[in-house]
C-alpha cells in the first residue's frame, strides 16, 4: 500500500456532505458571534418561529399608513431570520406546500412577537417592527413586498445615496454571509445571484401588529 493513500476512498457525495458540514460549522460560529455582539436574540420557544429580534434606534423620521410616526432614535424592533428554523426548500425549488408552510411560520412568529410585546413592559416604548429583506436581485422586490403586505408590512422607499467603499464592502460581506448560511442550511435555495443582494425595507407599527394578532395570541 502506497504511503499517504487512503484505504477508504471518499465518495463524491461524502465529500459534498463534509464540505457542507464544514461550511455550516463556520457560518454558525460567525453568526453566533455577530448575534451576541449586536444583541440579536430569540424571543420564542416555538419550533415554528422563524424570527429573532434586535431592539435598535430608528435612524430617520417616517410616518406609516395607520398614522404611526416613527422619529429618529425611537426604539424599533428589527426582525432577523432564524435560519435553523426556516422550512427547507424542496430540491426542485419552491412549491405551493412550501409557500403555505412559510406563510404559517410567519403568522406564528408575528403572533409570538405580539404575545411578547404585551407581556414585556420594558418594550412599551417600541413603536414599530422593521424587516430589512435582503433579496437575491431587484426583480424580487415587488413580489416580496406584496407578500409582506399580507402581514401588514408596508415598504418604505430608501433614499438613494452613493455608498462609500467601506459601505460597499460591508454590504458585500453581509451578502456573502447570508449566501453561506443559505448554502449550509438549505442548498436548494442557494442562487449565485444572491452574492449581491438588494435591500427592501418594510415596517409594521406595533399598533397594527397587536390589532392583527391580539385575538390570536
Protein backbone atom coordinates (compact mmCIF):
# COMPACT_ATOMS: atom_id res chain seq x y z
CA UNK A 1 0.00 0.00 0.00
CA UNK A 2 1.48 3.34 -1.04
CA UNK A 3 2.29 5.85 1.66
CA UNK A 4 -0.36 8.53 2.15
CA UNK A 5 -3.01 6.67 0.13
CA UNK A 6 -6.40 6.32 1.86
CA UNK A 7 -7.69 2.78 2.41
CA UNK A 8 -11.28 4.11 2.34
CA UNK A 9 -11.70 6.49 -0.61
CA UNK A 10 -14.19 9.28 -0.02
CA UNK A 11 -17.11 9.33 -2.46
CA UNK A 12 -18.33 12.49 -4.19
CA UNK A 13 -21.46 12.51 -2.01
CA UNK A 14 -19.37 12.11 1.15
CA UNK A 15 -17.08 14.95 0.07
CA UNK A 16 -20.08 17.19 -0.52
CA UNK A 17 -21.50 16.28 2.90
CA UNK A 18 -18.16 17.01 4.59
CA UNK A 19 -17.91 20.32 2.77
CA UNK A 20 -21.43 21.30 3.78
CA UNK A 21 -20.73 20.33 7.39
CA UNK A 22 -17.60 22.49 7.39
CA UNK A 23 -19.49 25.47 5.92
CA UNK A 24 -22.31 25.02 8.44
CA UNK A 25 -19.88 24.99 11.37
CA UNK A 26 -18.10 28.08 10.06
CA UNK A 27 -21.18 30.22 9.44
CA UNK A 28 -22.83 29.07 12.67
CA UNK A 29 -19.80 30.29 14.60
CA UNK A 30 -19.67 33.63 12.77
CA UNK A 31 -23.42 34.15 13.07
CA UNK A 32 -23.36 33.36 16.78
CA UNK A 33 -20.63 35.92 17.45
CA UNK A 34 -22.40 38.59 15.43
CA UNK A 35 -25.72 37.97 17.18
CA UNK A 36 -24.03 38.22 20.58
CA UNK A 37 -22.26 41.45 19.59
CA UNK A 38 -25.39 43.14 18.19
CA UNK A 39 -27.90 41.81 20.71
CA UNK A 40 -29.92 39.68 18.32
CA UNK A 41 -31.83 37.10 20.35
CA UNK A 42 -34.59 34.52 20.28
CA UNK A 43 -37.92 35.54 21.82
CA UNK A 44 -39.99 32.38 21.40
CA UNK A 45 -39.64 28.70 22.19
CA UNK A 46 -41.95 27.70 19.35
CA UNK A 47 -40.26 25.40 16.82
CA UNK A 48 -42.28 27.22 14.15
CA UNK A 49 -40.93 30.69 14.96
CA UNK A 50 -38.58 31.83 12.18
CA UNK A 51 -37.58 35.24 13.57
CA UNK A 52 -35.09 36.57 16.06
CA UNK A 53 -35.28 40.20 17.22
CA UNK A 54 -32.95 43.13 17.84
CA UNK A 55 -34.06 46.37 19.52
CA UNK A 56 -32.45 49.35 17.79
CA UNK A 57 -32.98 53.12 17.44
CA UNK A 58 -34.64 54.38 14.27
CA UNK A 59 -32.34 56.42 12.05
CA UNK A 60 -34.87 58.63 10.27
CA UNK A 61 -38.38 60.04 10.68
CA UNK A 62 -41.16 58.17 8.85
CA UNK A 63 -44.95 58.12 9.01
CA UNK A 64 -46.80 54.84 8.46
CA UNK A 65 -50.17 54.44 6.80
CA UNK A 66 -52.00 53.92 10.12
CA UNK A 67 -50.74 57.30 11.34
CA UNK A 68 -47.89 55.96 13.48
CA UNK A 69 -44.95 58.36 13.47
CA UNK A 70 -41.50 56.90 13.89
CA UNK A 71 -38.96 59.54 14.83
CA UNK A 72 -35.21 59.26 14.72
CA UNK A 73 -33.95 57.49 17.88
CA UNK A 74 -37.36 55.96 18.66
CA UNK A 75 -36.89 52.31 19.56
CA UNK A 76 -37.93 49.80 16.93
CA UNK A 77 -37.56 46.03 16.56
CA UNK A 78 -35.51 44.63 13.71
CA UNK A 79 -36.52 41.15 12.55
CA UNK A 80 -33.78 38.65 11.73
CA UNK A 81 -34.37 35.26 10.16
CA UNK A 82 -33.83 32.31 12.48
CA UNK A 83 -32.07 30.28 9.82
CA UNK A 84 -32.14 26.95 11.64
CA UNK A 85 -35.94 27.02 11.85
CA UNK A 86 -36.83 28.14 8.34
CA UNK A 87 -38.67 25.38 6.43
CA UNK A 88 -36.33 23.67 3.99
CA UNK A 89 -36.99 24.42 0.35
CA UNK A 90 -37.53 21.30 -1.80
CA UNK A 91 -34.64 20.39 -4.15
CA UNK A 92 -36.71 21.36 -7.17
CA UNK A 93 -37.38 24.86 -5.84
CA UNK A 94 -40.32 26.46 -4.02
CA UNK A 95 -43.65 24.66 -4.13
CA UNK A 96 -47.17 25.62 -3.07
CA UNK A 97 -46.85 23.39 0.01
CA UNK A 98 -43.58 25.09 0.97
CA UNK A 99 -45.11 28.55 0.47
CA UNK A 100 -48.01 27.62 2.75
CA UNK A 101 -45.53 26.36 5.35
CA UNK A 102 -43.62 29.65 5.19
CA UNK A 103 -46.82 31.71 5.47
CA UNK A 104 -47.84 29.71 8.52
CA UNK A 105 -44.38 30.19 10.06
CA UNK A 106 -44.51 33.96 9.56
CA UNK A 107 -48.01 34.12 11.03
CA UNK A 108 -46.95 32.13 14.10
CA UNK A 109 -43.79 34.22 14.51
CA UNK A 110 -45.70 37.50 14.49
CA UNK A 111 -48.27 36.08 16.88
CA UNK A 112 -45.44 35.11 19.23
CA UNK A 113 -43.98 38.60 18.92
CA UNK A 114 -47.33 40.19 19.78
CA UNK A 115 -47.53 38.00 22.88
CA UNK A 116 -44.03 39.09 23.91
CA UNK A 117 -44.81 42.77 23.49
CA UNK A 118 -47.97 42.55 25.59
CA UNK A 119 -46.05 40.76 28.32
CA UNK A 120 -42.82 42.81 28.39
CA UNK A 121 -43.35 46.27 29.90
CA UNK A 122 -39.75 47.24 29.12
CA UNK A 123 -40.72 47.18 25.43
CA UNK A 124 -43.72 49.50 25.81
CA UNK A 125 -41.84 52.34 24.07
CA UNK A 126 -41.12 50.31 20.92
CA UNK A 127 -43.16 51.87 18.11
CA UNK A 128 -42.65 49.63 15.09
CA UNK A 129 -41.20 46.45 13.65
CA UNK A 130 -38.79 46.65 10.74
CA UNK A 131 -37.97 43.92 8.23
CA UNK A 132 -34.87 44.54 6.13
CA UNK A 133 -35.26 41.90 3.46
CA UNK A 134 -32.02 41.00 1.68
CA UNK A 135 -33.12 39.83 -1.73
CA UNK A 136 -31.22 37.99 -4.42
CA UNK A 137 -31.99 40.59 -7.09
CA UNK A 138 -34.04 43.74 -7.61
CA UNK A 139 -36.65 41.83 -9.64
CA UNK A 140 -37.78 40.01 -6.48
CA UNK A 141 -38.53 43.22 -4.54
CA UNK A 142 -42.10 43.71 -5.78
CA UNK A 143 -43.02 40.09 -5.15
CA UNK A 144 -41.64 40.08 -1.62
CA UNK A 145 -43.27 43.45 -0.92
CA UNK A 146 -46.68 42.01 -1.89
CA UNK A 147 -46.13 39.00 0.37
CA UNK A 148 -45.05 41.21 3.29
CA UNK A 149 -48.15 43.38 2.78
CA UNK A 150 -50.33 40.36 3.59
CA UNK A 151 -48.97 40.55 7.12
CA UNK A 152 -49.40 44.33 7.39
CA UNK A 153 -45.91 45.44 6.43
CA UNK A 154 -45.51 48.44 4.17
CA UNK A 155 -42.47 49.15 2.07
CA UNK A 156 -40.63 52.35 2.89
CA UNK A 157 -38.60 53.72 -0.03
CA UNK A 158 -34.99 54.33 0.90
CA UNK A 159 -33.20 57.48 -0.17
CA UNK A 160 -30.79 56.75 -2.97
CA UNK A 161 -27.32 57.61 -1.74
CA UNK A 162 -23.88 56.93 -3.08
CA UNK A 163 -22.23 54.30 -0.91
CA UNK A 164 -18.67 54.65 0.26
CA UNK A 165 -16.13 51.92 -0.43
CA UNK A 166 -16.45 50.78 3.20
CA UNK A 167 -20.25 50.57 2.91
CA UNK A 168 -19.98 48.60 -0.34
CA UNK A 169 -17.55 46.14 1.24
CA UNK A 170 -19.76 45.73 4.30
CA UNK A 171 -22.85 45.12 2.19
CA UNK A 172 -20.98 42.62 0.05
CA UNK A 173 -19.71 40.88 3.19
CA UNK A 174 -23.27 40.64 4.54
CA UNK A 175 -24.44 39.17 1.23
CA UNK A 176 -21.66 36.59 1.28
CA UNK A 177 -22.51 35.57 4.86
CA UNK A 178 -26.23 35.27 4.06
CA UNK A 179 -25.45 33.19 0.98
CA UNK A 180 -23.18 30.92 3.01
CA UNK A 181 -25.96 30.45 5.58
CA UNK A 182 -28.37 29.50 2.81
CA UNK A 183 -25.84 27.11 1.29
CA UNK A 184 -25.12 25.49 4.67
CA UNK A 185 -28.72 25.15 5.79
CA UNK A 186 -30.73 24.83 2.58
CA UNK A 187 -28.62 24.25 -0.58
CA UNK A 188 -31.75 24.02 -2.77
CA UNK A 189 -32.44 27.71 -2.08
CA UNK A 190 -28.93 28.89 -2.98
CA UNK A 191 -28.57 31.13 -6.03
CA UNK A 192 -25.33 32.66 -7.34
CA UNK A 193 -27.10 35.96 -7.94
CA UNK A 194 -27.56 36.17 -4.15
CA UNK A 195 -23.89 37.10 -3.79
CA UNK A 196 -25.06 40.71 -4.22
CA UNK A 197 -28.37 41.30 -2.50
CA UNK A 198 -30.72 44.22 -2.85
CA UNK A 199 -32.36 45.52 0.28
CA UNK A 200 -36.10 46.10 0.71
CA UNK A 201 -37.16 47.73 3.98
CA UNK A 202 -40.71 47.32 5.31
CA UNK A 203 -42.33 48.50 8.54
CA UNK A 204 -45.24 47.34 10.65
CA UNK A 205 -46.43 49.54 13.51
CA UNK A 206 -46.79 47.95 16.93
CA UNK A 207 -50.37 49.24 16.95
CA UNK A 208 -51.15 47.28 13.77
CA UNK A 209 -49.26 44.21 14.96
CA UNK A 210 -51.25 44.00 18.19
CA UNK A 211 -54.53 44.71 16.41
CA UNK A 212 -53.93 41.89 13.94
CA UNK A 213 -52.79 39.33 16.48
CA UNK A 214 -54.45 40.23 19.79
CA UNK A 215 -57.25 37.72 19.17
CA UNK A 216 -54.82 35.02 18.06
CA UNK A 217 -52.26 35.37 20.86
